[in-house]
Amino acid sequence: MSLYHREFVFYSDIALHSHIRVPSVFYCDFDARSQGFVLVMEDLGNMKELPNMEGAGVMRARRAIAEIAELQGQFWEAADAPALGNCNAFMSAKEGYLMQLIYLLILPITLNRFDDLFTTDMRRLAEKFGSRIGAYYAALNSGPKTIVHGDYRLGNVLFGDEGQIDFVVIDWQGAGLGCGMYDVAFFLSFSVTVDDRRRIERDAIGEYHDTLCRMGVKNYSRDDCWRSYRQSMLGTLIPMVIGAGSINMSSRALEINTIESLGRTLTAIDDLDAWEFLPTGERLFSFSGALSMTSRCVYSIYSRLLNLRKEKWDRSVSLGGGETRT
């Protein structure tokens, strides 16, 4: 995924020109042959990382959306700007299909672990989405492009003490050119409680659009902005499924946090009817169509094998009189 190179490019080429506050960098280097990477940055130990479980709250959430709007308005449809000359796509076709593979490998684990969070319809749609993720990213990135952080959430946003205006964004390893609204959807679904998101999302998206217009963005209506938000919300399921299926379930605190975050994401997708943006089936004799069909077949076999393994394990535990968490 070129994560080290992405962060190197951001700090060496883009950060000095950006409208968003990031850590000051004293030294930055990258070796393309070894992928060796080093960053020496300012100490931000005086700033706060807020716990995701509690949510950002209304004021901080709106601040986070306003800040990312400034950055994305600055680089809107500016792929030919000198600062972006070495910037990768947020999700290339190759990377999109890689994410499709990872999602399909982990989805059955997530569904087994967090079965209570998925309705029957949601489970079916999540499985159908898995074989179409490459096509989804292609559709998402077909519109206007700007800088995307790629992992815009509370863990990567630092705040000053109460009454201070400090706001810093860290961890630019996912940075690239793509649909800016993905950052907005990910923050509002992952780092904001369901009630707070429902309360502010219309206003926050309107303010995001107002910022773009103030910065000179044209031919992008408020309806376009809202549609892109809904479409982007579907994509937030991808990192959530991968994360939920990968966590160490021996940590009860991590499990509870994941239940909350995954629940927020699934609720947001449902609230916004984001399943509408599930790509339709593709032509069989195209590369993407053949890959989609192969993915479905392999996923079906793989998920059945995992379920059989789980059933066998559950039976052995039952016969042994023990208890387990899977």
Protein backbone atom coordinates (compact mmCIF):
# COMPACT_ATOMS: atom_id res chain seq x y z
CA MET A 1 0.00 0.00 0.00
CA SER A 2 3.12 2.29 -0.08
CA LEU A 3 2.28 3.63 3.38
CA TYR A 4 5.79 4.88 4.24
CA HIS A 5 6.21 6.53 0.87
CA ARG A 6 2.81 8.24 1.20
CA GLU A 7 3.73 9.77 4.54
CA PHE A 8 7.16 10.82 3.28
CA VAL A 9 5.57 12.58 0.28
CA PHE A 10 3.02 14.32 2.48
CA TYR A 11 5.59 15.74 4.91
CA SER A 12 8.29 16.51 2.35
CA ASP A 13 6.10 17.98 -0.43
CA ILE A 14 2.64 18.89 0.85
CA ALA A 15 2.71 19.76 4.57
CA LEU A 16 4.48 23.10 4.20
CA HIS A 17 1.78 24.31 1.79
CA SER A 18 -1.27 22.90 3.58
CA HIS A 19 -3.92 24.83 5.51
CA ILE A 20 -4.15 22.18 8.21
CA ARG A 21 -1.90 22.06 11.29
CA VAL A 22 0.41 19.04 11.32
CA PRO A 23 3.51 18.27 13.40
CA SER A 24 6.59 20.26 12.46
CA VAL A 25 9.14 17.95 10.82
CA PHE A 26 12.86 18.34 11.59
CA TYR A 27 14.06 15.50 9.40
CA CYS A 28 12.35 13.24 6.86
CA ASP A 29 13.85 10.61 4.54
CA PHE A 30 12.81 7.55 2.53
CA ASP A 31 14.81 4.86 0.72
CA ALA A 32 12.82 3.47 -2.21
CA ARG A 33 14.94 0.30 -2.46
CA SER A 34 14.63 -0.84 1.15
CA GLN A 35 11.43 1.09 2.00
CA GLY A 36 13.44 2.46 4.94
CA PHE A 37 11.70 5.49 6.42
CA VAL A 38 12.41 8.00 9.18
CA LEU A 39 10.58 11.04 10.56
CA VAL A 40 11.78 13.32 13.35
CA MET A 41 8.90 15.50 14.48
CA GLU A 42 8.05 17.95 17.23
CA ASP A 43 6.92 16.66 20.61
CA LEU A 44 3.13 17.01 20.90
CA GLY A 45 2.91 15.44 24.33
CA ASN A 46 1.11 18.51 25.64
CA MET A 47 -1.91 17.80 23.45
CA LYS A 48 -4.81 15.45 24.06
CA GLU A 49 -5.91 12.31 22.23
CA LEU A 50 -9.58 11.84 23.07
CA PRO A 51 -10.96 8.32 23.67
CA ASN A 52 -12.97 7.13 20.68
CA MET A 53 -15.46 5.36 22.94
CA GLU A 54 -16.75 8.69 24.28
CA GLY A 55 -16.97 10.31 20.85
CA ALA A 56 -15.70 13.70 19.74
CA GLY A 57 -18.78 15.62 20.85
CA VAL A 58 -20.64 18.14 18.73
CA MET A 59 -18.21 21.08 18.85
CA ARG A 60 -15.03 19.08 18.27
CA ALA A 61 -16.64 17.06 15.49
CA ARG A 62 -17.65 20.21 13.64
CA ARG A 63 -14.15 21.59 14.17
CA ALA A 64 -12.63 18.44 12.66
CA ILE A 65 -14.87 18.68 9.59
CA ALA A 66 -14.12 22.40 9.19
CA GLU A 67 -10.37 21.74 9.32
CA ILE A 68 -10.38 18.98 6.72
CA ALA A 69 -12.62 21.13 4.49
CA GLU A 70 -9.96 23.86 4.47
CA LEU A 71 -7.28 21.40 3.39
CA GLN A 72 -9.41 19.74 0.73
CA GLY A 73 -10.71 23.01 -0.65
CA GLN A 74 -7.12 24.17 -1.05
CA PHE A 75 -6.17 21.13 -3.19
CA TRP A 76 -9.51 20.58 -4.96
CA GLU A 77 -8.93 19.30 -8.49
CA ALA A 78 -5.30 20.41 -8.23
CA ALA A 79 -3.53 17.20 -9.24
CA ASP A 80 -1.16 19.22 -11.44
CA ALA A 81 -0.03 21.43 -8.54
CA PRO A 82 3.75 21.12 -7.90
CA ALA A 83 3.15 20.04 -4.28
CA LEU A 84 1.13 17.04 -5.47
CA GLY A 85 3.53 15.86 -8.17
CA ASN A 86 4.59 12.76 -6.20
CA CYS A 87 1.24 12.10 -4.52
CA ASN A 88 -0.32 8.66 -5.13
CA ALA A 89 -3.99 7.96 -5.70
CA PHE A 90 -5.87 7.40 -2.44
CA MET A 91 -6.87 3.95 -3.69
CA SER A 92 -5.54 2.78 -7.06
CA ALA A 93 -7.25 -0.04 -8.96
CA LYS A 94 -4.56 -2.48 -7.79
CA GLU A 95 -4.90 -1.38 -4.16
CA GLY A 96 -8.70 -1.52 -4.43
CA TYR A 97 -8.60 -5.17 -5.43
CA LEU A 98 -6.08 -5.87 -2.67
CA MET A 99 -8.53 -4.37 -0.15
CA GLN A 100 -11.26 -6.54 -1.69
CA LEU A 101 -9.19 -9.66 -1.02
CA ILE A 102 -8.38 -8.66 2.57
CA TYR A 103 -12.02 -7.76 3.28
CA LEU A 104 -13.26 -11.12 1.96
CA LEU A 105 -10.69 -13.03 4.02
CA ILE A 106 -11.69 -11.28 7.25
CA LEU A 107 -15.44 -10.74 6.77
CA PRO A 108 -16.50 -14.25 7.95
CA ILE A 109 -14.48 -13.76 11.15
CA THR A 110 -16.12 -10.37 11.79
CA LEU A 111 -19.60 -11.77 11.12
CA ASN A 112 -19.00 -14.64 13.57
CA ARG A 113 -17.54 -12.42 16.26
CA PHE A 114 -20.13 -9.63 16.03
CA ASP A 115 -23.14 -11.49 14.70
CA ASP A 116 -25.57 -9.52 16.90
CA LEU A 117 -24.70 -6.26 15.13
CA PHE A 118 -25.70 -7.52 11.68
CA THR A 119 -29.31 -7.99 10.60
CA THR A 120 -29.95 -10.73 8.05
CA ASP A 121 -30.22 -8.14 5.26
CA MET A 122 -27.08 -6.34 6.41
CA ARG A 123 -25.10 -9.57 6.48
CA ARG A 124 -26.24 -10.39 2.94
CA LEU A 125 -25.33 -6.93 1.66
CA ALA A 126 -21.95 -6.94 3.43
CA GLU A 127 -21.14 -10.23 1.71
CA LYS A 128 -22.31 -8.96 -1.66
CA PHE A 129 -20.25 -5.79 -1.20
CA GLY A 130 -17.11 -7.86 -0.66
CA SER A 131 -16.86 -9.02 -4.25
CA ARG A 132 -17.45 -5.50 -5.59
CA ILE A 133 -15.03 -3.39 -3.54
CA GLY A 134 -12.69 -2.79 -6.48
CA ALA A 135 -15.61 -1.47 -8.51
CA TYR A 136 -16.77 0.61 -5.53
CA TYR A 137 -13.44 2.43 -5.24
CA ALA A 138 -13.41 3.06 -8.99
CA ALA A 139 -16.86 4.67 -8.75
CA LEU A 140 -15.96 6.66 -5.61
CA ASN A 141 -12.83 8.10 -7.24
CA SER A 142 -14.52 8.99 -10.51
CA GLY A 143 -15.60 12.40 -9.17
CA PRO A 144 -13.59 15.48 -8.11
CA LYS A 145 -10.30 14.67 -6.39
CA THR A 146 -8.43 16.29 -3.55
CA ILE A 147 -6.13 15.30 -0.69
CA VAL A 148 -7.54 12.46 1.42
CA HIS A 149 -6.06 11.65 4.84
CA GLY A 150 -7.42 8.10 4.65
CA ASP A 151 -7.70 7.42 8.40
CA TYR A 152 -9.31 10.59 9.73
CA ARG A 153 -10.52 9.77 13.25
CA LEU A 154 -10.05 10.77 16.88
CA GLY A 155 -6.90 8.66 17.30
CA ASN A 156 -5.20 10.75 14.62
CA VAL A 157 -6.49 14.15 15.73
CA LEU A 158 -5.00 15.92 18.75
CA PHE A 159 -6.67 18.77 20.64
CA GLY A 160 -5.35 21.40 23.01
CA ASP A 161 -6.71 21.91 26.52
CA GLU A 162 -10.18 23.35 26.97
CA GLY A 163 -10.26 26.95 25.78
CA GLN A 164 -7.27 26.49 23.46
CA ILE A 165 -7.57 26.46 19.69
CA ASP A 166 -4.81 23.92 19.04
CA PHE A 167 -5.75 21.20 16.59
CA VAL A 168 -3.20 18.89 14.96
CA VAL A 169 -3.64 15.98 12.55
CA ILE A 170 -1.11 13.14 12.60
CA ASP A 171 -0.51 9.82 10.78
CA TRP A 172 -0.59 10.62 7.05
CA GLN A 173 0.34 7.12 5.89
CA GLY A 174 -2.93 6.77 3.98
CA ALA A 175 -2.71 10.16 2.26
CA GLY A 176 -3.47 10.33 -1.45
CA LEU A 177 -5.66 11.91 -4.10
CA GLY A 178 -9.27 10.80 -4.10
CA CYS A 179 -12.76 11.61 -2.84
CA GLY A 180 -12.37 14.04 0.05
CA MET A 181 -15.77 13.23 1.48
CA TYR A 182 -14.42 9.82 2.56
CA ASP A 183 -12.56 11.54 5.42
CA VAL A 184 -15.74 13.29 6.52
CA ALA A 185 -17.82 10.10 6.43
CA PHE A 186 -15.19 8.11 8.30
CA PHE A 187 -14.85 10.70 11.07
CA LEU A 188 -18.60 11.11 11.56
CA SER A 189 -19.31 7.38 11.57
CA PHE A 190 -16.32 6.19 13.62
CA SER A 191 -15.52 9.02 16.03
CA VAL A 192 -18.95 10.54 16.75
CA THR A 193 -21.79 8.91 18.68
CA VAL A 194 -24.90 7.99 16.72
CA ASP A 195 -27.02 10.70 18.39
CA ASP A 196 -24.42 13.42 17.81
CA ARG A 197 -23.92 12.40 14.18
CA ARG A 198 -27.64 12.49 13.48
CA ARG A 199 -27.83 15.87 15.16
CA ILE A 200 -25.06 17.61 13.20
CA GLU A 201 -24.37 15.78 9.93
CA ARG A 202 -26.63 17.90 7.70
CA ASP A 203 -25.18 21.12 9.08
CA ALA A 204 -21.61 19.78 9.03
CA ILE A 205 -21.88 18.71 5.39
CA GLY A 206 -23.43 22.10 4.54
CA GLU A 207 -20.55 23.90 6.26
CA TYR A 208 -18.05 21.69 4.43
CA HIS A 209 -19.68 22.69 1.12
CA ASP A 210 -19.71 26.37 2.09
CA THR A 211 -15.97 26.19 2.78
CA LEU A 212 -15.29 24.65 -0.64
CA CYS A 213 -17.31 27.39 -2.33
CA ARG A 214 -15.52 30.11 -0.37
CA MET A 215 -12.22 28.67 -1.55
CA GLY A 216 -13.26 28.83 -5.20
CA VAL A 217 -14.62 25.33 -5.89
CA LYS A 218 -17.17 25.41 -8.70
CA ASN A 219 -19.58 22.96 -10.34
CA TYR A 220 -20.05 21.03 -7.10
CA SER A 221 -23.51 21.53 -5.65
CA ARG A 222 -24.71 20.88 -2.11
CA ASP A 223 -26.67 17.91 -3.46
CA ASP A 224 -23.45 16.56 -5.02
CA CYS A 225 -21.76 16.95 -1.66
CA TRP A 226 -24.51 15.10 0.22
CA ARG A 227 -24.58 12.30 -2.35
CA SER A 228 -20.81 11.89 -2.08
CA TYR A 229 -21.12 11.74 1.71
CA ARG A 230 -23.66 8.93 1.47
CA GLN A 231 -21.58 7.05 -1.10
CA SER A 232 -18.43 7.45 1.02
CA MET A 233 -20.23 6.15 4.09
CA LEU A 234 -20.56 2.73 2.47
CA GLY A 235 -16.78 2.56 2.11
CA THR A 236 -16.25 3.09 5.84
CA LEU A 237 -17.46 -0.48 6.32
CA ILE A 238 -14.23 -1.78 4.75
CA PRO A 239 -11.73 -0.68 7.45
CA MET A 240 -14.28 -1.49 10.16
CA VAL A 241 -14.74 -5.09 8.98
CA ILE A 242 -10.98 -5.56 8.62
CA GLY A 243 -10.29 -4.03 12.03
CA ALA A 244 -13.07 -5.92 13.83
CA GLY A 245 -11.92 -9.26 12.44
CA SER A 246 -8.27 -8.59 13.30
CA ILE A 247 -8.42 -7.44 16.92
CA ASN A 248 -7.17 -9.51 19.84
CA MET A 249 -10.37 -10.74 21.46
CA SER A 250 -8.60 -11.44 24.75
CA SER A 251 -8.86 -7.70 25.46
CA ARG A 252 -12.35 -7.01 26.74
CA ALA A 253 -11.83 -3.24 26.53
CA LEU A 254 -10.83 -3.50 22.86
CA GLU A 255 -13.81 -5.74 22.15
CA ILE A 256 -16.24 -3.24 23.72
CA ASN A 257 -14.66 -0.37 21.79
CA THR A 258 -14.99 -2.34 18.55
CA ILE A 259 -18.64 -3.15 19.23
CA GLU A 260 -19.34 0.56 19.68
CA SER A 261 -17.40 1.68 16.58
CA LEU A 262 -18.74 -1.05 14.29
CA GLY A 263 -22.26 -0.40 15.57
CA ARG A 264 -21.91 3.32 14.78
CA THR A 265 -20.74 2.54 11.26
CA LEU A 266 -23.50 0.05 10.47
CA THR A 267 -26.12 2.44 11.86
CA ALA A 268 -24.79 5.32 9.74
CA ILE A 269 -24.84 3.17 6.59
CA ASP A 270 -28.42 2.19 7.35
CA ASP A 271 -29.54 5.73 8.28
CA LEU A 272 -28.20 7.12 5.00
CA ASP A 273 -29.38 4.21 2.85
CA ALA A 274 -25.78 3.95 1.67
CA TRP A 275 -26.38 0.43 0.33
CA GLU A 276 -27.85 2.24 -2.68
CA PHE A 277 -24.23 2.72 -3.82
CA LEU A 278 -23.43 -0.98 -3.90
CA PRO A 279 -22.05 -1.46 -7.43
CA THR A 280 -24.19 -3.54 -9.76
CA GLY A 281 -22.92 -6.80 -11.21
CA GLU A 282 -20.23 -6.40 -13.86
CA ARG A 283 -19.81 -8.07 -17.24
CA LEU A 284 -18.48 -11.59 -16.73
CA PHE A 285 -15.91 -11.40 -19.51
CA SER A 286 -14.29 -8.23 -18.17
CA PHE A 287 -11.37 -8.46 -15.74
CA SER A 288 -13.33 -6.91 -12.89
CA GLY A 289 -16.39 -9.07 -13.62
CA ALA A 290 -14.35 -12.28 -13.64
CA LEU A 291 -12.58 -11.23 -10.44
CA SER A 292 -15.91 -10.45 -8.80
CA MET A 293 -17.37 -13.86 -9.71
CA THR A 294 -14.21 -15.68 -8.57
CA SER A 295 -14.27 -13.75 -5.30
CA ARG A 296 -17.88 -14.78 -4.65
CA CYS A 297 -17.14 -18.47 -5.28
CA VAL A 298 -13.98 -18.53 -3.16
CA TYR A 299 -15.66 -16.56 -0.37
CA SER A 300 -18.58 -19.00 -0.27
CA ILE A 301 -16.25 -22.01 0.15
CA TYR A 302 -13.98 -20.20 2.59
CA SER A 303 -16.81 -18.98 4.86
CA ARG A 304 -18.37 -22.46 4.97
CA LEU A 305 -15.06 -24.00 5.98
CA LEU A 306 -14.67 -21.43 8.76
CA ASN A 307 -18.21 -22.12 9.99
CA LEU A 308 -17.60 -25.89 9.99
CA ARG A 309 -14.40 -25.35 11.95
CA LYS A 310 -16.22 -23.16 14.48
CA GLU A 311 -19.05 -25.72 14.85
CA LYS A 312 -16.53 -28.50 15.44
CA TRP A 313 -14.73 -26.41 18.05
CA ASP A 314 -17.99 -25.49 19.79
CA ARG A 315 -19.00 -29.16 19.96
CA SER A 316 -15.64 -30.18 21.42
CA VAL A 317 -15.87 -27.44 24.05
CA SER A 318 -19.45 -28.46 24.89
CA LEU A 319 -18.45 -32.09 25.33
CA GLY A 320 -15.51 -31.05 27.46
CA GLY A 321 -17.72 -28.93 29.70
CA GLY A 322 -15.54 -25.85 29.21
CA GLU A 323 -16.25 -22.35 28.00
CA THR A 324 -14.61 -20.37 25.25
CA ARG A 325 -14.72 -17.08 23.45
CA THR A 326 -14.04 -17.17 19.71
